[in-house]
């Protein structure tokens, strides 16, 4: 009886510790992209207006953090622009205040977010895309309020830069497997031997002396 209970308990524990991955990835067909509200957007109190536009456009916000760049982290994030003339001013601009970083989810998220942002030059956006975010909140080609990944590959890299690997869903399976391994090991070496001894003692008591 005790061993039967132990088996049921062990099975339930394994079920909890090793969930079916498909249950955590209910975003089939959706893309993820990185969106960032730059220092001028945060300091200009445009954050709520931008998030409202994001949600109204059908995006989900999977994760978000408020953070800031230092010169080193900014140089790593914008490494692809390191040989361009504007790199120094870009680093100076992006490190001057806080940024709000978000992971957006939606079908066709990369292209749709870039469309919602508008052209890189905010002055051009005000003419050609007056309803875009950069038209509403940006000032010029440098202070253009928001950033967005330009491809799925860039999105994966940029999301990992801030949030680590999100490819397996919201659950960190490496940590989960480590913890479950500790639990299973403890049960195997400590709990099951104790239950086995208890089972044998119970049998002796119920059966009584053999003589």
Foldseek 3Di string as FASTA:
>chain_A
DLVVVLVVVLVVLCCVLDPDLVVQPPQPQKAKKKKKFAPQCVVVVVVVVVVVVCVVLPKDWPDKDKDADDLVLLCVLVVVCVPPPCSVVLSVRRRPDIMMMTIIMDRVVQVVLDVQLADLFLVVCCPPPVRHPQVVRADTNRRSGMDIQNDSVSRQVNCCSPPNHCPSHPDDSVVSVVVSVVVVVCCVPPVVVVSVVVVVVVVPVVVDDPD
